[in-house]
């Protein structure tokens, strides 16, 4: 699973522009968030088709990076995310971003971008 981070001018309509690029490519957004870094907009997105996303963003000449992320299915109850986040912290693994990508039947799928993929995978298996 991949997370795309689009760097874009912080202006009205910037989010709409990026979402329209993906919509025209028939890419469905599974999770999205935005943030500002030093006045620059960052749009973080997880989609249902990484190859088409990569191509669409590139064809639109958008400045983007992509990162491998780790999906984890947790029980949907109080404390589960806290337990997992503490376990990662205890191993010295920084959680750089986190998304809820699905929630159903008593479970939640959470996707993490972390500082050390290999160590995180060992914990999560």
PDB file of N, CA and C in Angstrom:
ATOM      1  N   UNK A   1       0.863  -1.171   0.000  1.00  0.00           N
ATOM      2  CA  UNK A   1       0.000   0.000   0.000  1.00  0.00           C
ATOM      3  C   UNK A   1       0.903   1.225   0.000  1.00  0.00           C
ATOM      4  N   UNK A   2       0.495   2.274  -0.747  1.00  0.00           N
ATOM      5  CA  UNK A   2       1.306   3.480  -0.890  1.00  0.00           C
ATOM      6  C   UNK A   2       0.515   4.717  -0.460  1.00  0.00           C
ATOM      7  N   UNK A   3       1.230   5.669   0.103  1.00  0.00           N
ATOM      8  CA  UNK A   3       0.690   6.981   0.424  1.00  0.00           C
ATOM      9  C   UNK A   3       1.360   7.982  -0.506  1.00  0.00           C
ATOM     10  N   UNK A   4       0.579   8.797  -1.158  1.00  0.00           N
ATOM     11  CA  UNK A   4       1.098   9.851  -2.020  1.00  0.00           C
ATOM     12  C   UNK A   4       0.986  11.169  -1.278  1.00  0.00           C
ATOM     13  N   UNK A   5       2.041  11.987  -1.361  1.00  0.00           N
ATOM     14  CA  UNK A   5       2.030  13.316  -0.754  1.00  0.00           C
ATOM     15  C   UNK A   5       2.260  14.331  -1.861  1.00  0.00           C
ATOM     16  N   UNK A   6       1.244  15.126  -2.124  1.00  0.00           N
ATOM     17  CA  UNK A   6       1.295  16.138  -3.173  1.00  0.00           C
ATOM     18  C   UNK A   6       1.613  17.481  -2.521  1.00  0.00           C
ATOM     19  N   UNK A   7       2.653  18.124  -3.013  1.00  0.00           N
ATOM     20  CA  UNK A   7       3.043  19.447  -2.523  1.00  0.00           C
ATOM     21  C   UNK A   7       2.446  20.461  -3.487  1.00  0.00           C
ATOM     22  N   UNK A   8       1.668  21.382  -2.939  1.00  0.00           N
ATOM     23  CA  UNK A   8       0.927  22.306  -3.792  1.00  0.00           C
ATOM     24  C   UNK A   8       0.823  23.669  -3.116  1.00  0.00           C
ATOM     25  N   UNK A   9       0.703  24.698  -3.911  1.00  0.00           N
ATOM     26  CA  UNK A   9       0.521  26.042  -3.383  1.00  0.00           C
ATOM     27  C   UNK A   9      -0.717  26.067  -2.493  1.00  0.00           C
ATOM     28  N   UNK A  10      -0.587  26.720  -1.348  1.00  0.00           N
ATOM     29  CA  UNK A  10      -1.720  26.866  -0.442  1.00  0.00           C
ATOM     30  C   UNK A  10      -2.627  27.970  -0.973  1.00  0.00           C
ATOM     31  N   UNK A  11      -3.679  27.545  -1.671  1.00  0.00           N
ATOM     32  CA  UNK A  11      -4.605  28.508  -2.259  1.00  0.00           C
ATOM     33  C   UNK A  11      -5.984  27.883  -2.353  1.00  0.00           C
ATOM     34  N   UNK A  12      -6.977  28.720  -2.470  1.00  0.00           N
ATOM     35  CA  UNK A  12      -8.343  28.236  -2.631  1.00  0.00           C
ATOM     36  C   UNK A  12      -8.437  27.406  -3.906  1.00  0.00           C
ATOM     37  N   UNK A  13      -9.005  26.226  -3.802  1.00  0.00           N
ATOM     38  CA  UNK A  13      -9.187  25.348  -4.956  1.00  0.00           C
ATOM     39  C   UNK A  13      -8.087  24.334  -5.164  1.00  0.00           C
ATOM     40  N   UNK A  14      -6.998  24.399  -4.406  1.00  0.00           N
ATOM     41  CA  UNK A  14      -5.884  23.470  -4.606  1.00  0.00           C
ATOM     42  C   UNK A  14      -6.311  22.028  -4.357  1.00  0.00           C
ATOM     43  N   UNK A  15      -7.055  21.793  -3.293  1.00  0.00           N
ATOM     44  CA  UNK A  15      -7.536  20.437  -3.012  1.00  0.00           C
ATOM     45  C   UNK A  15      -8.463  19.964  -4.133  1.00  0.00           C
ATOM     46  N   UNK A  16      -9.332  20.823  -4.576  1.00  0.00           N
ATOM     47  CA  UNK A  16     -10.238  20.468  -5.673  1.00  0.00           C
ATOM     48  C   UNK A  16      -9.452  20.095  -6.923  1.00  0.00           C
ATOM     49  N   UNK A  17      -8.390  20.834  -7.213  1.00  0.00           N
ATOM     50  CA  UNK A  17      -7.578  20.542  -8.395  1.00  0.00           C
ATOM     51  C   UNK A  17      -6.999  19.138  -8.342  1.00  0.00           C
ATOM     52  N   UNK A  18      -6.426  18.784  -7.209  1.00  0.00           N
ATOM     53  CA  UNK A  18      -5.808  17.451  -7.065  1.00  0.00           C
ATOM     54  C   UNK A  18      -6.878  16.366  -7.134  1.00  0.00           C
ATOM     55  N   UNK A  19      -7.994  16.563  -6.449  1.00  0.00           N
ATOM     56  CA  UNK A  19      -9.070  15.566  -6.477  1.00  0.00           C
ATOM     57  C   UNK A  19      -9.638  15.402  -7.882  1.00  0.00           C
ATOM     58  N   UNK A  20      -9.724  16.484  -8.637  1.00  0.00           N
ATOM     59  CA  UNK A  20     -10.218  16.400 -10.013  1.00  0.00           C
ATOM     60  C   UNK A  20      -9.259  15.626 -10.911  1.00  0.00           C
ATOM     61  N   UNK A  21      -7.960  15.783 -10.697  1.00  0.00           N
ATOM     62  CA  UNK A  21      -6.972  15.003 -11.454  1.00  0.00           C
ATOM     63  C   UNK A  21      -7.219  13.516 -11.225  1.00  0.00           C
ATOM     64  N   UNK A  22      -7.415  13.135  -9.985  1.00  0.00           N
ATOM     65  CA  UNK A  22      -7.656  11.727  -9.659  1.00  0.00           C
ATOM     66  C   UNK A  22      -9.011  11.263 -10.190  1.00  0.00           C
ATOM     67  N   UNK A  23     -10.021  12.098 -10.093  1.00  0.00           N
ATOM     68  CA  UNK A  23     -11.355  11.731 -10.578  1.00  0.00           C
ATOM     69  C   UNK A  23     -11.343  11.497 -12.084  1.00  0.00           C
ATOM     70  N   UNK A  24     -10.669  12.374 -12.816  1.00  0.00           N
ATOM     71  CA  UNK A  24     -10.594  12.199 -14.275  1.00  0.00           C
ATOM     72  C   UNK A  24      -9.913  10.887 -14.642  1.00  0.00           C
ATOM     73  N   UNK A  25      -8.986  10.437 -13.789  1.00  0.00           N
ATOM     74  CA  UNK A  25      -8.278   9.175 -14.023  1.00  0.00           C
ATOM     75  C   UNK A  25      -9.059   7.976 -13.474  1.00  0.00           C
ATOM     76  N   UNK A  26     -10.256   8.246 -12.934  1.00  0.00           N
ATOM     77  CA  UNK A  26     -11.126   7.202 -12.372  1.00  0.00           C
ATOM     78  C   UNK A  26     -10.487   6.493 -11.169  1.00  0.00           C
ATOM     79  N   UNK A  27      -9.743   7.274 -10.385  1.00  0.00           N
ATOM     80  CA  UNK A  27      -9.110   6.769  -9.168  1.00  0.00           C
ATOM     81  C   UNK A  27     -10.006   7.114  -7.990  1.00  0.00           C
ATOM     82  N   UNK A  28     -10.275   6.124  -7.149  1.00  0.00           N
ATOM     83  CA  UNK A  28     -11.068   6.345  -5.950  1.00  0.00           C
ATOM     84  C   UNK A  28     -10.143   6.634  -4.770  1.00  0.00           C
ATOM     85  N   UNK A  29     -10.459   7.669  -4.010  1.00  0.00           N
ATOM     86  CA  UNK A  29      -9.673   8.029  -2.825  1.00  0.00           C
ATOM     87  C   UNK A  29     -10.179   7.224  -1.639  1.00  0.00           C
ATOM     88  N   UNK A  30      -9.266   6.458  -1.011  1.00  0.00           N
ATOM     89  CA  UNK A  30      -9.616   5.668   0.172  1.00  0.00           C
ATOM     90  C   UNK A  30      -9.438   6.467   1.455  1.00  0.00           C
ATOM     91  N   UNK A  31      -8.437   7.358   1.474  1.00  0.00           N
ATOM     92  CA  UNK A  31      -8.174   8.194   2.648  1.00  0.00           C
ATOM     93  C   UNK A  31      -7.419   9.433   2.187  1.00  0.00           C
ATOM     94  N   UNK A  32      -7.677  10.554   2.862  1.00  0.00           N
ATOM     95  CA  UNK A  32      -7.030  11.811   2.474  1.00  0.00           C
ATOM     96  C   UNK A  32      -6.892  12.703   3.697  1.00  0.00           C
ATOM     97  N   UNK A  33      -5.825  13.490   3.712  1.00  0.00           N
ATOM     98  CA  UNK A  33      -5.660  14.515   4.737  1.00  0.00           C
ATOM     99  C   UNK A  33      -4.841  15.651   4.135  1.00  0.00           C
ATOM    100  N   UNK A  34      -4.900  16.784   4.781  1.00  0.00           N
ATOM    101  CA  UNK A  34      -4.131  17.944   4.331  1.00  0.00           C
ATOM    102  C   UNK A  34      -3.392  18.534   5.524  1.00  0.00           C
ATOM    103  N   UNK A  35      -2.343  19.265   5.208  1.00  0.00           N
ATOM    104  CA  UNK A  35      -1.636  20.008   6.241  1.00  0.00           C
ATOM    105  C   UNK A  35      -0.867  21.143   5.581  1.00  0.00           C
ATOM    106  N   UNK A  36      -0.452  22.071   6.386  1.00  0.00           N
ATOM    107  CA  UNK A  36       0.385  23.170   5.925  1.00  0.00           C
ATOM    108  C   UNK A  36       1.763  23.027   6.543  1.00  0.00           C
ATOM    109  N   UNK A  37       2.794  23.192   5.725  1.00  0.00           N
ATOM    110  CA  UNK A  37       4.177  23.218   6.203  1.00  0.00           C
ATOM    111  C   UNK A  37       4.806  24.484   5.663  1.00  0.00           C
ATOM    112  N   UNK A  38       5.102  25.400   6.545  1.00  0.00           N
ATOM    113  CA  UNK A  38       5.732  26.655   6.140  1.00  0.00           C
ATOM    114  C   UNK A  38       4.973  27.335   5.002  1.00  0.00           C
ATOM    115  N   UNK A  39       3.648  27.328   5.071  1.00  0.00           N
ATOM    116  CA  UNK A  39       2.816  27.990   4.093  1.00  0.00           C
ATOM    117  C   UNK A  39       2.591  27.215   2.804  1.00  0.00           C
ATOM    118  N   UNK A  40       3.127  26.012   2.714  1.00  0.00           N
ATOM    119  CA  UNK A  40       2.960  25.158   1.535  1.00  0.00           C
ATOM    120  C   UNK A  40       1.935  24.075   1.873  1.00  0.00           C
ATOM    121  N   UNK A  41       1.023  23.803   0.944  1.00  0.00           N
ATOM    122  CA  UNK A  41       0.011  22.771   1.160  1.00  0.00           C
ATOM    123  C   UNK A  41       0.568  21.385   0.878  1.00  0.00           C
ATOM    124  N   UNK A  42       0.230  20.454   1.742  1.00  0.00           N
ATOM    125  CA  UNK A  42       0.578  19.050   1.557  1.00  0.00           C
ATOM    126  C   UNK A  42      -0.736  18.270   1.574  1.00  0.00           C
ATOM    127  N   UNK A  43      -0.988  17.539   0.501  1.00  0.00           N
ATOM    128  CA  UNK A  43      -2.172  16.684   0.422  1.00  0.00           C
ATOM    129  C   UNK A  43      -1.685  15.248   0.451  1.00  0.00           C
ATOM    130  N   UNK A  44      -2.087  14.515   1.482  1.00  0.00           N
ATOM    131  CA  UNK A  44      -1.712  13.111   1.627  1.00  0.00           C
ATOM    132  C   UNK A  44      -2.902  12.269   1.213  1.00  0.00           C
ATOM    133  N   UNK A  45      -2.665  11.306   0.344  1.00  0.00           N
ATOM    134  CA  UNK A  45      -3.782  10.541  -0.201  1.00  0.00           C
ATOM    135  C   UNK A  45      -3.398   9.075  -0.381  1.00  0.00           C
ATOM    136  N   UNK A  46      -4.356   8.214  -0.085  1.00  0.00           N
ATOM    137  CA  UNK A  46      -4.262   6.777  -0.353  1.00  0.00           C
ATOM    138  C   UNK A  46      -5.405   6.459  -1.308  1.00  0.00           C
ATOM    139  N   UNK A  47      -5.104   5.746  -2.375  1.00  0.00           N
ATOM    140  CA  UNK A  47      -6.116   5.479  -3.398  1.00  0.00           C
ATOM    141  C   UNK A  47      -6.273   3.984  -3.640  1.00  0.00           C
ATOM    142  N   UNK A  48      -7.223   3.660  -4.493  1.00  0.00           N
ATOM    143  CA  UNK A  48      -7.477   2.254  -4.823  1.00  0.00           C
ATOM    144  C   UNK A  48      -6.632   1.755  -5.987  1.00  0.00           C
ATOM    145  N   UNK A  49      -5.841   2.633  -6.627  1.00  0.00           N
ATOM    146  CA  UNK A  49      -5.006   2.207  -7.752  1.00  0.00           C
ATOM    147  C   UNK A  49      -3.733   3.049  -7.778  1.00  0.00           C
ATOM    148  N   UNK A  50      -2.667   2.491  -7.232  1.00  0.00           N
ATOM    149  CA  UNK A  50      -1.413   3.239  -7.094  1.00  0.00           C
ATOM    150  C   UNK A  50      -0.780   3.566  -8.438  1.00  0.00           C
ATOM    151  N   UNK A  51      -0.809   2.636  -9.380  1.00  0.00           N
ATOM    152  CA  UNK A  51      -0.193   2.883 -10.682  1.00  0.00           C
ATOM    153  C   UNK A  51      -0.883   4.021 -11.423  1.00  0.00           C
ATOM    154  N   UNK A  52      -2.205   4.006 -11.438  1.00  0.00           N
ATOM    155  CA  UNK A  52      -2.956   5.065 -12.124  1.00  0.00           C
ATOM    156  C   UNK A  52      -2.785   6.393 -11.383  1.00  0.00           C
ATOM    157  N   UNK A  53      -2.737   6.354 -10.062  1.00  0.00           N
ATOM    158  CA  UNK A  53      -2.509   7.579  -9.277  1.00  0.00           C
ATOM    159  C   UNK A  53      -1.172   8.197  -9.649  1.00  0.00           C
ATOM    160  N   UNK A  54      -0.139   7.387  -9.650  1.00  0.00           N
ATOM    161  CA  UNK A  54       1.212   7.853  -9.984  1.00  0.00           C
ATOM    162  C   UNK A  54       1.225   8.496 -11.380  1.00  0.00           C
ATOM    163  N   UNK A  55       0.600   7.825 -12.329  1.00  0.00           N
ATOM    164  CA  UNK A  55       0.567   8.330 -13.702  1.00  0.00           C
ATOM    165  C   UNK A  55      -0.236   9.626 -13.791  1.00  0.00           C
ATOM    166  N   UNK A  56      -1.399   9.680 -13.140  1.00  0.00           N
ATOM    167  CA  UNK A  56      -2.251  10.870 -13.193  1.00  0.00           C
ATOM    168  C   UNK A  56      -1.558  12.075 -12.572  1.00  0.00           C
ATOM    169  N   UNK A  57      -0.941  11.894 -11.413  1.00  0.00           N
ATOM    170  CA  UNK A  57      -0.249  13.003 -10.763  1.00  0.00           C
ATOM    171  C   UNK A  57       0.932  13.469 -11.607  1.00  0.00           C
ATOM    172  N   UNK A  58       1.654  12.516 -12.170  1.00  0.00           N
ATOM    173  CA  UNK A  58       2.789  12.858 -13.031  1.00  0.00           C
ATOM    174  C   UNK A  58       2.349  13.586 -14.292  1.00  0.00           C
ATOM    175  N   UNK A  59       1.306  13.086 -14.946  1.00  0.00           N
ATOM    176  CA  UNK A  59       0.796  13.731 -16.165  1.00  0.00           C
ATOM    177  C   UNK A  59       0.292  15.146 -15.892  1.00  0.00           C
ATOM    178  N   UNK A  60      -0.211  15.378 -14.690  1.00  0.00           N
ATOM    179  CA  UNK A  60      -0.681  16.709 -14.305  1.00  0.00           C
ATOM    180  C   UNK A  60       0.473  17.613 -13.856  1.00  0.00           C
ATOM    181  N   UNK A  61       1.683  17.066 -13.898  1.00  0.00           N
ATOM    182  CA  UNK A  61       2.894  17.786 -13.503  1.00  0.00           C
ATOM    183  C   UNK A  61       2.813  18.312 -12.073  1.00  0.00           C
ATOM    184  N   UNK A  62       2.215  17.491 -11.211  1.00  0.00           N
ATOM    185  CA  UNK A  62       2.151  17.835  -9.793  1.00  0.00           C
ATOM    186  C   UNK A  62       3.406  17.327  -9.096  1.00  0.00           C
ATOM    187  N   UNK A  63       3.862  18.077  -8.119  1.00  0.00           N
ATOM    188  CA  UNK A  63       5.029  17.714  -7.320  1.00  0.00           C
ATOM    189  C   UNK A  63       4.556  16.741  -6.239  1.00  0.00           C
ATOM    190  N   UNK A  64       4.981  15.483  -6.320  1.00  0.00           N
ATOM    191  CA  UNK A  64       4.536  14.502  -5.336  1.00  0.00           C
ATOM    192  C   UNK A  64       5.641  13.524  -4.992  1.00  0.00           C
ATOM    193  N   UNK A  65       5.489  12.929  -3.824  1.00  0.00           N
ATOM    194  CA  UNK A  65       6.338  11.838  -3.362  1.00  0.00           C
ATOM    195  C   UNK A  65       5.418  10.702  -2.987  1.00  0.00           C
ATOM    196  N   UNK A  66       5.970   9.507  -2.917  1.00  0.00           N
ATOM    197  CA  UNK A  66       5.152   8.380  -2.462  1.00  0.00           C
ATOM    198  C   UNK A  66       5.953   7.543  -1.484  1.00  0.00           C
ATOM    199  N   UNK A  67       5.216   6.903  -0.593  1.00  0.00           N
ATOM    200  CA  UNK A  67       5.835   6.161   0.496  1.00  0.00           C
ATOM    201  C   UNK A  67       5.079   4.865   0.715  1.00  0.00           C
ATOM    202  N   UNK A  68       5.808   3.824   1.046  1.00  0.00           N
ATOM    203  CA  UNK A  68       5.161   2.578   1.425  1.00  0.00           C
ATOM    204  C   UNK A  68       4.565   2.757   2.814  1.00  0.00           C
ATOM    205  N   UNK A  69       3.368   2.260   2.984  1.00  0.00           N
ATOM    206  CA  UNK A  69       2.716   2.313   4.288  1.00  0.00           C
ATOM    207  C   UNK A  69       2.270   0.908   4.672  1.00  0.00           C
ATOM    208  N   UNK A  70       1.995   0.732   5.931  1.00  0.00           N
ATOM    209  CA  UNK A  70       1.638  -0.583   6.457  1.00  0.00           C
ATOM    210  C   UNK A  70       0.186  -0.572   6.909  1.00  0.00           C
ATOM    211  N   UNK A  71      -0.664  -1.376   6.270  1.00  0.00           N
ATOM    212  CA  UNK A  71      -2.042  -1.485   6.748  1.00  0.00           C
ATOM    213  C   UNK A  71      -2.127  -2.505   7.885  1.00  0.00           C
ATOM    214  N   UNK A  72      -2.915  -2.179   8.876  1.00  0.00           N
ATOM    215  CA  UNK A  72      -3.091  -3.056  10.036  1.00  0.00           C
ATOM    216  C   UNK A  72      -4.576  -3.111  10.368  1.00  0.00           C
ATOM    217  N   UNK A  73      -5.087  -4.310  10.606  1.00  0.00           N
ATOM    218  CA  UNK A  73      -6.484  -4.462  11.019  1.00  0.00           C
ATOM    219  C   UNK A  73      -6.508  -4.624  12.533  1.00  0.00           C
ATOM    220  N   UNK A  74      -7.274  -3.742  13.184  1.00  0.00           N
ATOM    221  CA  UNK A  74      -7.410  -3.749  14.638  1.00  0.00           C
ATOM    222  C   UNK A  74      -8.865  -3.980  15.016  1.00  0.00           C
ATOM    223  N   UNK A  75      -9.070  -4.468  16.216  1.00  0.00           N
ATOM    224  CA  UNK A  75     -10.425  -4.520  16.756  1.00  0.00           C
ATOM    225  C   UNK A  75     -10.887  -3.074  16.954  1.00  0.00           C
ATOM    226  N   UNK A  76     -12.121  -2.803  16.635  1.00  0.00           N
ATOM    227  CA  UNK A  76     -12.674  -1.455  16.756  1.00  0.00           C
ATOM    228  C   UNK A  76     -13.224  -1.281  18.164  1.00  0.00           C
ATOM    229  N   UNK A  77     -12.292  -0.998  19.086  1.00  0.00           N
ATOM    230  CA  UNK A  77     -12.675  -0.805  20.489  1.00  0.00           C
ATOM    231  C   UNK A  77     -11.650   0.115  21.150  1.00  0.00           C
ATOM    232  N   UNK A  78     -12.023   0.742  22.242  1.00  0.00           N
ATOM    233  CA  UNK A  78     -11.137   1.682  22.913  1.00  0.00           C
ATOM    234  C   UNK A  78      -9.799   1.041  23.297  1.00  0.00           C
ATOM    235  N   UNK A  79      -8.723   1.763  23.014  1.00  0.00           N
ATOM    236  CA  UNK A  79      -7.399   1.344  23.451  1.00  0.00           C
ATOM    237  C   UNK A  79      -6.575   0.582  22.434  1.00  0.00           C
ATOM    238  N   UNK A  80      -7.187   0.089  21.369  1.00  0.00           N
ATOM    239  CA  UNK A  80      -6.425  -0.713  20.400  1.00  0.00           C
ATOM    240  C   UNK A  80      -5.351   0.110  19.690  1.00  0.00           C
ATOM    241  N   UNK A  81      -5.708   1.285  19.222  1.00  0.00           N
ATOM    242  CA  UNK A  81      -4.725   2.131  18.554  1.00  0.00           C
ATOM    243  C   UNK A  81      -3.657   2.597  19.540  1.00  0.00           C
ATOM    244  N   UNK A  82      -4.059   2.901  20.762  1.00  0.00           N
ATOM    245  CA  UNK A  82      -3.105   3.317  21.796  1.00  0.00           C
ATOM    246  C   UNK A  82      -2.086   2.209  22.059  1.00  0.00           C
ATOM    247  N   UNK A  83      -2.572   0.968  22.149  1.00  0.00           N
ATOM    248  CA  UNK A  83      -1.681  -0.170  22.403  1.00  0.00           C
ATOM    249  C   UNK A  83      -0.660  -0.315  21.284  1.00  0.00           C
ATOM    250  N   UNK A  84      -1.126  -0.239  20.041  1.00  0.00           N
ATOM    251  CA  UNK A  84      -0.231  -0.399  18.903  1.00  0.00           C
ATOM    252  C   UNK A  84       0.753   0.765  18.803  1.00  0.00           C
ATOM    253  N   UNK A  85       0.261   1.982  18.995  1.00  0.00           N
ATOM    254  CA  UNK A  85       1.147   3.155  18.934  1.00  0.00           C
ATOM    255  C   UNK A  85       2.224   3.076  20.014  1.00  0.00           C
ATOM    256  N   UNK A  86       1.865   2.613  21.216  1.00  0.00           N
ATOM    257  CA  UNK A  86       2.844   2.478  22.291  1.00  0.00           C
ATOM    258  C   UNK A  86       3.873   1.403  21.960  1.00  0.00           C
ATOM    259  N   UNK A  87       3.433   0.312  21.377  1.00  0.00           N
ATOM    260  CA  UNK A  87       4.361  -0.757  20.997  1.00  0.00           C
ATOM    261  C   UNK A  87       5.377  -0.256  19.973  1.00  0.00           C
ATOM    262  N   UNK A  88       4.914   0.513  18.995  1.00  0.00           N
ATOM    263  CA  UNK A  88       5.833   1.083  18.004  1.00  0.00           C
ATOM    264  C   UNK A  88       6.790   2.067  18.674  1.00  0.00           C
ATOM    265  N   UNK A  89       6.271   2.916  19.554  1.00  0.00           N
ATOM    266  CA  UNK A  89       7.114   3.887  20.262  1.00  0.00           C
ATOM    267  C   UNK A  89       8.177   3.181  21.095  1.00  0.00           C
ATOM    268  N   UNK A  90       7.792   2.109  21.756  1.00  0.00           N
ATOM    269  CA  UNK A  90       8.750   1.372  22.592  1.00  0.00           C
ATOM    270  C   UNK A  90       9.889   0.781  21.780  1.00  0.00           C
ATOM    271  N   UNK A  91       9.666   0.548  20.495  1.00  0.00           N
ATOM    272  CA  UNK A  91      10.727   0.059  19.603  1.00  0.00           C
ATOM    273  C   UNK A  91      11.492   1.205  18.944  1.00  0.00           C
ATOM    274  N   UNK A  92      11.155   2.435  19.299  1.00  0.00           N
ATOM    275  CA  UNK A  92      11.833   3.590  18.729  1.00  0.00           C
ATOM    276  C   UNK A  92      11.376   3.915  17.314  1.00  0.00           C
ATOM    277  N   UNK A  93      10.172   3.458  16.941  1.00  0.00           N
ATOM    278  CA  UNK A  93       9.636   3.688  15.601  1.00  0.00           C
ATOM    279  C   UNK A  93       8.708   4.892  15.643  1.00  0.00           C
ATOM    280  N   UNK A  94       9.013   5.873  14.814  1.00  0.00           N
ATOM    281  CA  UNK A  94       8.197   7.077  14.733  1.00  0.00           C
ATOM    282  C   UNK A  94       7.036   6.848  13.769  1.00  0.00           C
ATOM    283  N   UNK A  95       5.840   7.195  14.194  1.00  0.00           N
ATOM    284  CA  UNK A  95       4.676   7.163  13.307  1.00  0.00           C
ATOM    285  C   UNK A  95       4.612   8.528  12.639  1.00  0.00           C
ATOM    286  N   UNK A  96       4.836   8.547  11.324  1.00  0.00           N
ATOM    287  CA  UNK A  96       4.894   9.798  10.580  1.00  0.00           C
ATOM    288  C   UNK A  96       3.520  10.231  10.073  1.00  0.00           C
ATOM    289  N   UNK A  97       2.662   9.272   9.788  1.00  0.00           N
ATOM    290  CA  UNK A  97       1.269   9.581   9.468  1.00  0.00           C
ATOM    291  C   UNK A  97       0.436   8.332   9.707  1.00  0.00           C
ATOM    292  N   UNK A  98      -0.850   8.559   9.918  1.00  0.00           N
ATOM    293  CA  UNK A  98      -1.770   7.451  10.174  1.00  0.00           C
ATOM    294  C   UNK A  98      -3.116   7.807   9.548  1.00  0.00           C
ATOM    295  N   UNK A  99      -3.716   6.812   8.908  1.00  0.00           N
ATOM    296  CA  UNK A  99      -5.021   6.974   8.269  1.00  0.00           C
ATOM    297  C   UNK A  99      -5.921   5.817   8.656  1.00  0.00           C
ATOM    298  N   UNK A 100      -7.199   6.091   8.846  1.00  0.00           N
ATOM    299  CA  UNK A 100      -8.182   5.021   8.911  1.00  0.00           C
ATOM    300  C   UNK A 100      -8.646   4.812   7.471  1.00  0.00           C
ATOM    301  N   UNK A 101      -8.476   3.601   6.967  1.00  0.00           N
ATOM    302  CA  UNK A 101      -8.833   3.334   5.576  1.00  0.00           C
ATOM    303  C   UNK A 101     -10.098   2.512   5.425  1.00  0.00           C
ATOM    304  N   UNK A 102     -10.531   1.866   6.510  1.00  0.00           N
ATOM    305  CA  UNK A 102     -11.764   1.075   6.443  1.00  0.00           C
ATOM    306  C   UNK A 102     -12.223   0.768   7.858  1.00  0.00           C
ATOM    307  N   UNK A 103     -13.527   0.619   7.992  1.00  0.00           N
ATOM    308  CA  UNK A 103     -14.095   0.285   9.302  1.00  0.00           C
ATOM    309  C   UNK A 103     -15.370  -0.508   9.059  1.00  0.00           C
ATOM    310  N   UNK A 104     -15.396  -1.752   9.543  1.00  0.00           N
ATOM    311  CA  UNK A 104     -16.612  -2.562   9.412  1.00  0.00           C
ATOM    312  C   UNK A 104     -16.544  -3.784  10.317  1.00  0.00           C
ATOM    313  N   UNK A 105     -17.695  -4.302  10.643  1.00  0.00           N
ATOM    314  CA  UNK A 105     -17.839  -5.558  11.386  1.00  0.00           C
ATOM    315  C   UNK A 105     -16.930  -5.660  12.606  1.00  0.00           C
ATOM    316  N   UNK A 106     -16.825  -4.575  13.357  1.00  0.00           N
ATOM    317  CA  UNK A 106     -16.059  -4.618  14.599  1.00  0.00           C
ATOM    318  C   UNK A 106     -14.562  -4.480  14.432  1.00  0.00           C
ATOM    319  N   UNK A 107     -14.104  -4.175  13.219  1.00  0.00           N
ATOM    320  CA  UNK A 107     -12.678  -3.962  13.006  1.00  0.00           C
ATOM    321  C   UNK A 107     -12.449  -2.634  12.293  1.00  0.00           C
ATOM    322  N   UNK A 108     -11.224  -2.161  12.381  1.00  0.00           N
ATOM    323  CA  UNK A 108     -10.817  -0.938  11.685  1.00  0.00           C
ATOM    324  C   UNK A 108      -9.478  -1.215  11.015  1.00  0.00           C
ATOM    325  N   UNK A 109      -9.341  -0.781   9.758  1.00  0.00           N
ATOM    326  CA  UNK A 109      -8.053  -0.866   9.084  1.00  0.00           C
ATOM    327  C   UNK A 109      -7.383   0.495   9.193  1.00  0.00           C
ATOM    328  N   UNK A 110      -6.183   0.473   9.749  1.00  0.00           N
ATOM    329  CA  UNK A 110      -5.390   1.674   9.941  1.00  0.00           C
ATOM    330  C   UNK A 110      -4.127   1.509   9.103  1.00  0.00           C
ATOM    331  N   UNK A 111      -3.726   2.558   8.403  1.00  0.00           N
ATOM    332  CA  UNK A 111      -2.500   2.517   7.602  1.00  0.00           C
ATOM    333  C   UNK A 111      -1.493   3.490   8.198  1.00  0.00           C
ATOM    334  N   UNK A 112      -0.268   3.002   8.416  1.00  0.00           N
ATOM    335  CA  UNK A 112       0.790   3.780   9.051  1.00  0.00           C
ATOM    336  C   UNK A 112       1.937   4.042   8.093  1.00  0.00           C
ATOM    337  N   UNK A 113       2.433   5.266   8.094  1.00  0.00           N
ATOM    338  CA  UNK A 113       3.729   5.581   7.505  1.00  0.00           C
ATOM    339  C   UNK A 113       4.668   5.700   8.699  1.00  0.00           C
ATOM    340  N   UNK A 114       5.713   4.901   8.711  1.00  0.00           N
ATOM    341  CA  UNK A 114       6.599   4.837   9.874  1.00  0.00           C
ATOM    342  C   UNK A 114       8.051   5.062   9.467  1.00  0.00           C
ATOM    343  N   UNK A 115       8.872   5.348  10.453  1.00  0.00           N
ATOM    344  CA  UNK A 115      10.283   5.636  10.211  1.00  0.00           C
ATOM    345  C   UNK A 115      11.097   4.380   9.914  1.00  0.00           C
ATOM    346  N   UNK A 116      10.621   3.216  10.322  1.00  0.00           N
ATOM    347  CA  UNK A 116      11.369   1.972  10.102  1.00  0.00           C
ATOM    348  C   UNK A 116      10.385   0.867   9.720  1.00  0.00           C
ATOM    349  N   UNK A 117      10.211   0.683   8.412  1.00  0.00           N
ATOM    350  CA  UNK A 117       9.240  -0.305   7.921  1.00  0.00           C
ATOM    351  C   UNK A 117       9.566  -1.721   8.375  1.00  0.00           C
ATOM    352  N   UNK A 118      10.825  -2.113   8.298  1.00  0.00           N
ATOM    353  CA  UNK A 118      11.193  -3.497   8.634  1.00  0.00           C
ATOM    354  C   UNK A 118      10.891  -3.839  10.082  1.00  0.00           C
ATOM    355  N   UNK A 119      11.266  -2.953  10.997  1.00  0.00           N
ATOM    356  CA  UNK A 119      10.996  -3.209  12.410  1.00  0.00           C
ATOM    357  C   UNK A 119       9.501  -3.191  12.701  1.00  0.00           C
ATOM    358  N   UNK A 120       8.788  -2.277  12.065  1.00  0.00           N
ATOM    359  CA  UNK A 120       7.332  -2.217  12.272  1.00  0.00           C
ATOM    360  C   UNK A 120       6.675  -3.492  11.771  1.00  0.00           C
ATOM    361  N   UNK A 121       7.114  -3.992  10.635  1.00  0.00           N
ATOM    362  CA  UNK A 121       6.539  -5.243  10.082  1.00  0.00           C
ATOM    363  C   UNK A 121       6.747  -6.410  11.047  1.00  0.00           C
ATOM    364  N   UNK A 122       7.916  -6.464  11.668  1.00  0.00           N
ATOM    365  CA  UNK A 122       8.183  -7.542  12.628  1.00  0.00           C
ATOM    366  C   UNK A 122       7.181  -7.509  13.771  1.00  0.00           C
ATOM    367  N   UNK A 123       6.898  -6.324  14.270  1.00  0.00           N
ATOM    368  CA  UNK A 123       5.937  -6.174  15.365  1.00  0.00           C
ATOM    369  C   UNK A 123       4.524  -6.530  14.909  1.00  0.00           C
ATOM    370  N   UNK A 124       4.177  -6.142  13.710  1.00  0.00           N
ATOM    371  CA  UNK A 124       2.788  -6.263  13.247  1.00  0.00           C
ATOM    372  C   UNK A 124       2.443  -7.632  12.680  1.00  0.00           C
ATOM    373  N   UNK A 125       3.403  -8.486  12.511  1.00  0.00           N
ATOM    374  CA  UNK A 125       3.102  -9.833  11.973  1.00  0.00           C
ATOM    375  C   UNK A 125       2.644 -10.757  13.066  1.00  0.00           C
TER     376      UNK A 125
END
